[in-house]
Amino acid sequence: RLHDRLYDSLTGMGFTPCKSDPDIWMRPCNGHYEYIACYVDDLLIASENPQGIIDALMAAPNNYKLKGTGPVNYQLGCDFCRDEDNTLCFGPKAYIERICLQFESMFGTKPRAGYTSPLPNNDHPELDDTELLDDDGIQQYQSLIGALQWTISLGRFDIATAVMSMSSFRVAPRAGHLERLKRI
């Protein structure tokens, strides 16, 4: 199993898993720490010498076949770039663009823009009495909830309360609830 093999490799290189998240690995190195974040078979390395870690993982006895190595520009739906001060920045732009394409495929139209808030002021979705969605509508609703929850994880915290409110209806959503999600 890859996870067990990676565990053996990283501990052999002096990395230890973080106590709060065992898929974050760290080791001290010349007065600072080096980090490796693992997600299934995806690695993100933070180090002054990431190539040294990559070379060690690819060397015997590890023999990992790594692809897509180099400076990070996209991982798990998150875009990475450097600003004018060379500070590493991230955001969900590409992921949101992908969600918009899925939206267009699902509903036959692009998402409407121009809203100033995720939900209208004084909205009460719990009072919605529009018709219940059919199985296809429920699937669309749940798909949008999942996509929006990941968008929050990638940094769009401004929609968190609205998505959390609307996710409470995911078992039996109504047409009005789906319209609210489309707005978000």
C-alpha atoms as a PDB file:
ATOM      1  CA  ARG A   1       0.000   0.000   0.000  1.00  0.00           C
ATOM      2  CA  LEU A   2       1.316   3.435  -0.978  1.00  0.00           C
ATOM      3  CA  HIS A   3       0.584   5.107   2.371  1.00  0.00           C
ATOM      4  CA  ASP A   4       2.533   2.462   4.313  1.00  0.00           C
ATOM      5  CA  ARG A   5       5.425   2.574   1.841  1.00  0.00           C
ATOM      6  CA  LEU A   6       5.527   6.386   2.005  1.00  0.00           C
ATOM      7  CA  TYR A   7       5.450   6.208   5.812  1.00  0.00           C
ATOM      8  CA  ASP A   8       8.521   3.956   5.791  1.00  0.00           C
ATOM      9  CA  SER A   9      10.328   6.200   3.292  1.00  0.00           C
ATOM     10  CA  LEU A  10       9.634   9.475   5.085  1.00  0.00           C
ATOM     11  CA  THR A  11      10.470   8.169   8.550  1.00  0.00           C
ATOM     12  CA  GLY A  12      13.670   6.761   7.059  1.00  0.00           C
ATOM     13  CA  MET A  13      14.494  10.279   5.812  1.00  0.00           C
ATOM     14  CA  GLY A  14      13.997  11.734   9.310  1.00  0.00           C
ATOM     15  CA  PHE A  15      10.464  13.088   8.832  1.00  0.00           C
ATOM     16  CA  THR A  16       7.827  12.632  11.518  1.00  0.00           C
ATOM     17  CA  PRO A  17       4.075  12.926  11.059  1.00  0.00           C
ATOM     18  CA  CYS A  18       2.362  15.895  12.669  1.00  0.00           C
ATOM     19  CA  LYS A  19       0.317  14.958  15.754  1.00  0.00           C
ATOM     20  CA  SER A  20      -2.749  16.861  14.560  1.00  0.00           C
ATOM     21  CA  ASP A  21      -2.622  15.588  10.957  1.00  0.00           C
ATOM     22  CA  PRO A  22      -0.638  12.437  10.169  1.00  0.00           C
ATOM     23  CA  ASP A  23      -0.465  13.385   6.481  1.00  0.00           C
ATOM     24  CA  ILE A  24       1.650  16.455   7.258  1.00  0.00           C
ATOM     25  CA  TRP A  25       5.270  15.450   7.700  1.00  0.00           C
ATOM     26  CA  MET A  26       8.060  17.583   9.125  1.00  0.00           C
ATOM     27  CA  ARG A  27      11.715  17.464  10.044  1.00  0.00           C
ATOM     28  CA  PRO A  28      14.135  20.015  11.462  1.00  0.00           C
ATOM     29  CA  CYS A  29      16.731  21.287   9.018  1.00  0.00           C
ATOM     30  CA  ASN A  30      19.400  23.930   9.755  1.00  0.00           C
ATOM     31  CA  GLY A  31      17.303  26.036  12.135  1.00  0.00           C
ATOM     32  CA  HIS A  32      13.985  25.679  10.301  1.00  0.00           C
ATOM     33  CA  TYR A  33      11.568  22.901   9.391  1.00  0.00           C
ATOM     34  CA  GLU A  34      10.892  21.146   6.125  1.00  0.00           C
ATOM     35  CA  TYR A  35       7.331  20.013   5.459  1.00  0.00           C
ATOM     36  CA  ILE A  36       5.637  17.523   3.159  1.00  0.00           C
ATOM     37  CA  ALA A  37       1.857  17.522   2.848  1.00  0.00           C
ATOM     38  CA  CYS A  38       0.437  14.257   1.474  1.00  0.00           C
ATOM     39  CA  TYR A  39      -2.968  13.724  -0.067  1.00  0.00           C
ATOM     40  CA  VAL A  40      -3.385  10.192  -1.457  1.00  0.00           C
ATOM     41  CA  ASP A  41      -0.549  10.210  -4.045  1.00  0.00           C
ATOM     42  CA  ASP A  42      -0.089  13.987  -4.203  1.00  0.00           C
ATOM     43  CA  LEU A  43       2.834  15.606  -2.347  1.00  0.00           C
ATOM     44  CA  LEU A  44       3.463  19.277  -1.612  1.00  0.00           C
ATOM     45  CA  ILE A  45       6.974  19.997  -0.344  1.00  0.00           C
ATOM     46  CA  ALA A  46       7.985  23.125   1.566  1.00  0.00           C
ATOM     47  CA  SER A  47      11.755  23.301   1.851  1.00  0.00           C
ATOM     48  CA  GLU A  48      14.729  25.473   0.964  1.00  0.00           C
ATOM     49  CA  ASN A  49      15.891  22.475  -1.081  1.00  0.00           C
ATOM     50  CA  PRO A  50      12.811  20.627  -2.346  1.00  0.00           C
ATOM     51  CA  GLN A  51      14.825  18.991  -5.122  1.00  0.00           C
ATOM     52  CA  GLY A  52      16.960  17.258  -2.489  1.00  0.00           C
ATOM     53  CA  ILE A  53      13.835  15.671  -1.006  1.00  0.00           C
ATOM     54  CA  ILE A  54      12.563  14.724  -4.470  1.00  0.00           C
ATOM     55  CA  ASP A  55      15.934  13.142  -5.330  1.00  0.00           C
ATOM     56  CA  ALA A  56      15.899  11.163  -2.058  1.00  0.00           C
ATOM     57  CA  LEU A  57      12.378   9.868  -2.755  1.00  0.00           C
ATOM     58  CA  MET A  58      13.326   8.827  -6.282  1.00  0.00           C
ATOM     59  CA  ALA A  59      16.607   7.167  -5.193  1.00  0.00           C
ATOM     60  CA  ALA A  60      16.949   3.530  -4.203  1.00  0.00           C
ATOM     61  CA  PRO A  61      15.497   1.890  -2.172  1.00  0.00           C
ATOM     62  CA  ASN A  62      12.424   4.148  -2.538  1.00  0.00           C
ATOM     63  CA  ASN A  63      12.253   4.263  -6.341  1.00  0.00           C
ATOM     64  CA  TYR A  64       9.145   6.427  -6.501  1.00  0.00           C
ATOM     65  CA  LYS A  65       8.180   7.591  -9.963  1.00  0.00           C
ATOM     66  CA  LEU A  66       7.362  11.248  -9.422  1.00  0.00           C
ATOM     67  CA  LYS A  67       5.768  13.351 -12.130  1.00  0.00           C
ATOM     68  CA  GLY A  68       4.880  16.995 -12.252  1.00  0.00           C
ATOM     69  CA  THR A  69       7.722  18.059  -9.992  1.00  0.00           C
ATOM     70  CA  GLY A  70       8.696  21.706  -9.854  1.00  0.00           C
ATOM     71  CA  PRO A  71       7.350  24.873  -8.299  1.00  0.00           C
ATOM     72  CA  VAL A  72       3.731  24.470  -7.228  1.00  0.00           C
ATOM     73  CA  ASN A  73       1.152  26.178  -9.427  1.00  0.00           C
ATOM     74  CA  TYR A  74      -1.934  24.011  -8.858  1.00  0.00           C
ATOM     75  CA  GLN A  75      -2.869  21.364  -6.301  1.00  0.00           C
ATOM     76  CA  LEU A  76      -6.219  19.912  -5.222  1.00  0.00           C
ATOM     77  CA  GLY A  77      -8.188  22.704  -6.880  1.00  0.00           C
ATOM     78  CA  CYS A  78      -6.015  25.488  -5.544  1.00  0.00           C
ATOM     79  CA  ASP A  79      -4.003  27.863  -7.731  1.00  0.00           C
ATOM     80  CA  PHE A  80      -0.613  29.047  -6.504  1.00  0.00           C
ATOM     81  CA  CYS A  81       1.333  32.080  -7.696  1.00  0.00           C
ATOM     82  CA  ARG A  82       3.909  34.574  -6.489  1.00  0.00           C
ATOM     83  CA  ASP A  83       3.017  38.220  -5.935  1.00  0.00           C
ATOM     84  CA  GLU A  84       5.264  41.211  -6.673  1.00  0.00           C
ATOM     85  CA  ASP A  85       7.148  40.598  -3.378  1.00  0.00           C
ATOM     86  CA  ASN A  86       7.661  36.921  -4.297  1.00  0.00           C
ATOM     87  CA  THR A  87       5.235  35.859  -1.556  1.00  0.00           C
ATOM     88  CA  LEU A  88       3.506  32.571  -2.317  1.00  0.00           C
ATOM     89  CA  CYS A  89      -0.235  33.167  -2.722  1.00  0.00           C
ATOM     90  CA  PHE A  90      -3.081  30.755  -3.334  1.00  0.00           C
ATOM     91  CA  GLY A  91      -6.725  30.846  -4.343  1.00  0.00           C
ATOM     92  CA  PRO A  92      -9.479  28.740  -5.915  1.00  0.00           C
ATOM     93  CA  LYS A  93      -9.787  30.527  -9.282  1.00  0.00           C
ATOM     94  CA  ALA A  94      -9.329  27.450 -11.522  1.00  0.00           C
ATOM     95  CA  TYR A  95     -11.607  25.368  -9.295  1.00  0.00           C
ATOM     96  CA  ILE A  96     -14.346  28.000  -9.430  1.00  0.00           C
ATOM     97  CA  GLU A  97     -13.998  28.165 -13.216  1.00  0.00           C
ATOM     98  CA  ARG A  98     -14.466  24.383 -13.314  1.00  0.00           C
ATOM     99  CA  ILE A  99     -17.550  24.633 -11.072  1.00  0.00           C
ATOM    100  CA  CYS A 100     -18.985  27.259 -13.441  1.00  0.00           C
ATOM    101  CA  LEU A 101     -18.528  24.867 -16.375  1.00  0.00           C
ATOM    102  CA  GLN A 102     -20.272  22.109 -14.403  1.00  0.00           C
ATOM    103  CA  PHE A 103     -23.054  24.575 -13.539  1.00  0.00           C
ATOM    104  CA  GLU A 104     -23.508  25.398 -17.210  1.00  0.00           C
ATOM    105  CA  SER A 105     -23.597  21.695 -18.087  1.00  0.00           C
ATOM    106  CA  MET A 106     -26.160  20.994 -15.333  1.00  0.00           C
ATOM    107  CA  PHE A 107     -28.479  23.934 -15.892  1.00  0.00           C
ATOM    108  CA  GLY A 108     -27.827  25.007 -19.485  1.00  0.00           C
ATOM    109  CA  THR A 109     -26.827  28.520 -18.513  1.00  0.00           C
ATOM    110  CA  LYS A 110     -23.888  30.281 -16.906  1.00  0.00           C
ATOM    111  CA  PRO A 111     -24.133  31.263 -13.232  1.00  0.00           C
ATOM    112  CA  ARG A 112     -25.597  34.706 -12.782  1.00  0.00           C
ATOM    113  CA  ALA A 113     -23.106  37.308 -11.566  1.00  0.00           C
ATOM    114  CA  GLY A 114     -23.522  40.595  -9.768  1.00  0.00           C
ATOM    115  CA  TYR A 115     -24.806  39.517  -6.374  1.00  0.00           C
ATOM    116  CA  THR A 116     -23.380  41.415  -3.414  1.00  0.00           C
ATOM    117  CA  SER A 117     -24.038  38.641  -0.891  1.00  0.00           C
ATOM    118  CA  PRO A 118     -24.383  34.858  -1.086  1.00  0.00           C
ATOM    119  CA  LEU A 119     -28.023  34.952   0.088  1.00  0.00           C
ATOM    120  CA  PRO A 120     -30.585  37.777   0.198  1.00  0.00           C
ATOM    121  CA  ASN A 121     -30.933  39.776   3.412  1.00  0.00           C
ATOM    122  CA  ASN A 122     -33.495  38.414   5.857  1.00  0.00           C
ATOM    123  CA  ASP A 123     -33.802  35.162   3.899  1.00  0.00           C
ATOM    124  CA  HIS A 124     -35.517  32.230   5.635  1.00  0.00           C
ATOM    125  CA  PRO A 125     -34.857  29.030   3.677  1.00  0.00           C
ATOM    126  CA  GLU A 126     -36.439  27.013   6.493  1.00  0.00           C
ATOM    127  CA  LEU A 127     -39.814  28.550   5.527  1.00  0.00           C
ATOM    128  CA  ASP A 128     -39.477  27.584   1.842  1.00  0.00           C
ATOM    129  CA  ASP A 129     -42.566  25.665   0.704  1.00  0.00           C
ATOM    130  CA  THR A 130     -41.714  25.177  -2.975  1.00  0.00           C
ATOM    131  CA  GLU A 131     -41.935  21.645  -4.379  1.00  0.00           C
ATOM    132  CA  LEU A 132     -39.476  19.002  -3.221  1.00  0.00           C
ATOM    133  CA  LEU A 133     -36.794  18.125  -5.765  1.00  0.00           C
ATOM    134  CA  ASP A 134     -36.879  14.831  -7.626  1.00  0.00           C
ATOM    135  CA  ASP A 135     -33.926  12.404  -7.500  1.00  0.00           C
ATOM    136  CA  ASP A 136     -32.035  14.263 -10.254  1.00  0.00           C
ATOM    137  CA  GLY A 137     -32.588  17.594  -8.492  1.00  0.00           C
ATOM    138  CA  ILE A 138     -31.386  16.139  -5.195  1.00  0.00           C
ATOM    139  CA  GLN A 139     -28.230  14.874  -6.927  1.00  0.00           C
ATOM    140  CA  GLN A 140     -27.614  18.339  -8.413  1.00  0.00           C
ATOM    141  CA  TYR A 141     -28.207  19.946  -5.012  1.00  0.00           C
ATOM    142  CA  GLN A 142     -25.811  17.605  -3.220  1.00  0.00           C
ATOM    143  CA  SER A 143     -23.191  18.010  -5.947  1.00  0.00           C
ATOM    144  CA  LEU A 144     -23.337  21.805  -5.616  1.00  0.00           C
ATOM    145  CA  ILE A 145     -23.106  21.584  -1.814  1.00  0.00           C
ATOM    146  CA  GLY A 146     -19.971  19.431  -2.081  1.00  0.00           C
ATOM    147  CA  ALA A 147     -18.350  21.742  -4.634  1.00  0.00           C
ATOM    148  CA  LEU A 148     -19.134  24.830  -2.553  1.00  0.00           C
ATOM    149  CA  GLN A 149     -17.803  23.192   0.627  1.00  0.00           C
ATOM    150  CA  TRP A 150     -14.502  22.494  -1.130  1.00  0.00           C
ATOM    151  CA  THR A 151     -14.449  26.084  -2.394  1.00  0.00           C
ATOM    152  CA  ILE A 152     -14.641  27.233   1.236  1.00  0.00           C
ATOM    153  CA  SER A 153     -11.713  24.924   2.101  1.00  0.00           C
ATOM    154  CA  LEU A 154      -9.727  26.612  -0.657  1.00  0.00           C
ATOM    155  CA  GLY A 155     -10.259  30.065   0.814  1.00  0.00           C
ATOM    156  CA  ARG A 156     -13.717  31.414  -0.088  1.00  0.00           C
ATOM    157  CA  PHE A 157     -14.720  31.858   3.550  1.00  0.00           C
ATOM    158  CA  ASP A 158     -17.248  34.531   2.602  1.00  0.00           C
ATOM    159  CA  ILE A 159     -19.768  31.873   1.543  1.00  0.00           C
ATOM    160  CA  ALA A 160     -19.292  29.558   4.548  1.00  0.00           C
ATOM    161  CA  THR A 161     -22.371  30.588   6.543  1.00  0.00           C
ATOM    162  CA  ALA A 162     -24.667  30.479   3.513  1.00  0.00           C
ATOM    163  CA  VAL A 163     -23.379  27.060   2.407  1.00  0.00           C
ATOM    164  CA  MET A 164     -23.631  25.692   5.948  1.00  0.00           C
ATOM    165  CA  SER A 165     -27.230  26.939   6.173  1.00  0.00           C
ATOM    166  CA  MET A 166     -28.173  25.408   2.829  1.00  0.00           C
ATOM    167  CA  SER A 167     -26.400  22.103   3.533  1.00  0.00           C
ATOM    168  CA  SER A 168     -28.923  21.397   6.302  1.00  0.00           C
ATOM    169  CA  PHE A 169     -31.517  20.810   3.533  1.00  0.00           C
ATOM    170  CA  ARG A 170     -29.444  18.341   1.492  1.00  0.00           C
ATOM    171  CA  VAL A 171     -31.580  15.294   2.397  1.00  0.00           C
ATOM    172  CA  ALA A 172     -34.867  16.810   1.209  1.00  0.00           C
ATOM    173  CA  PRO A 173     -34.123  20.027  -0.706  1.00  0.00           C
ATOM    174  CA  ARG A 174     -36.812  22.085  -2.373  1.00  0.00           C
ATOM    175  CA  ALA A 175     -36.738  23.981  -5.655  1.00  0.00           C
ATOM    176  CA  GLY A 176     -36.256  27.253  -3.755  1.00  0.00           C
ATOM    177  CA  HIS A 177     -33.248  25.804  -1.951  1.00  0.00           C
ATOM    178  CA  LEU A 178     -31.657  24.874  -5.276  1.00  0.00           C
ATOM    179  CA  GLU A 179     -32.220  28.429  -6.515  1.00  0.00           C
ATOM    180  CA  ARG A 180     -30.421  29.733  -3.438  1.00  0.00           C
ATOM    181  CA  LEU A 181     -27.469  27.425  -4.130  1.00  0.00           C
ATOM    182  CA  LYS A 182     -27.353  28.658  -7.709  1.00  0.00           C
ATOM    183  CA  ARG A 183     -27.072  32.187  -6.319  1.00  0.00           C
ATOM    184  CA  ILE A 184     -24.192  31.191  -4.023  1.00  0.00           C
END
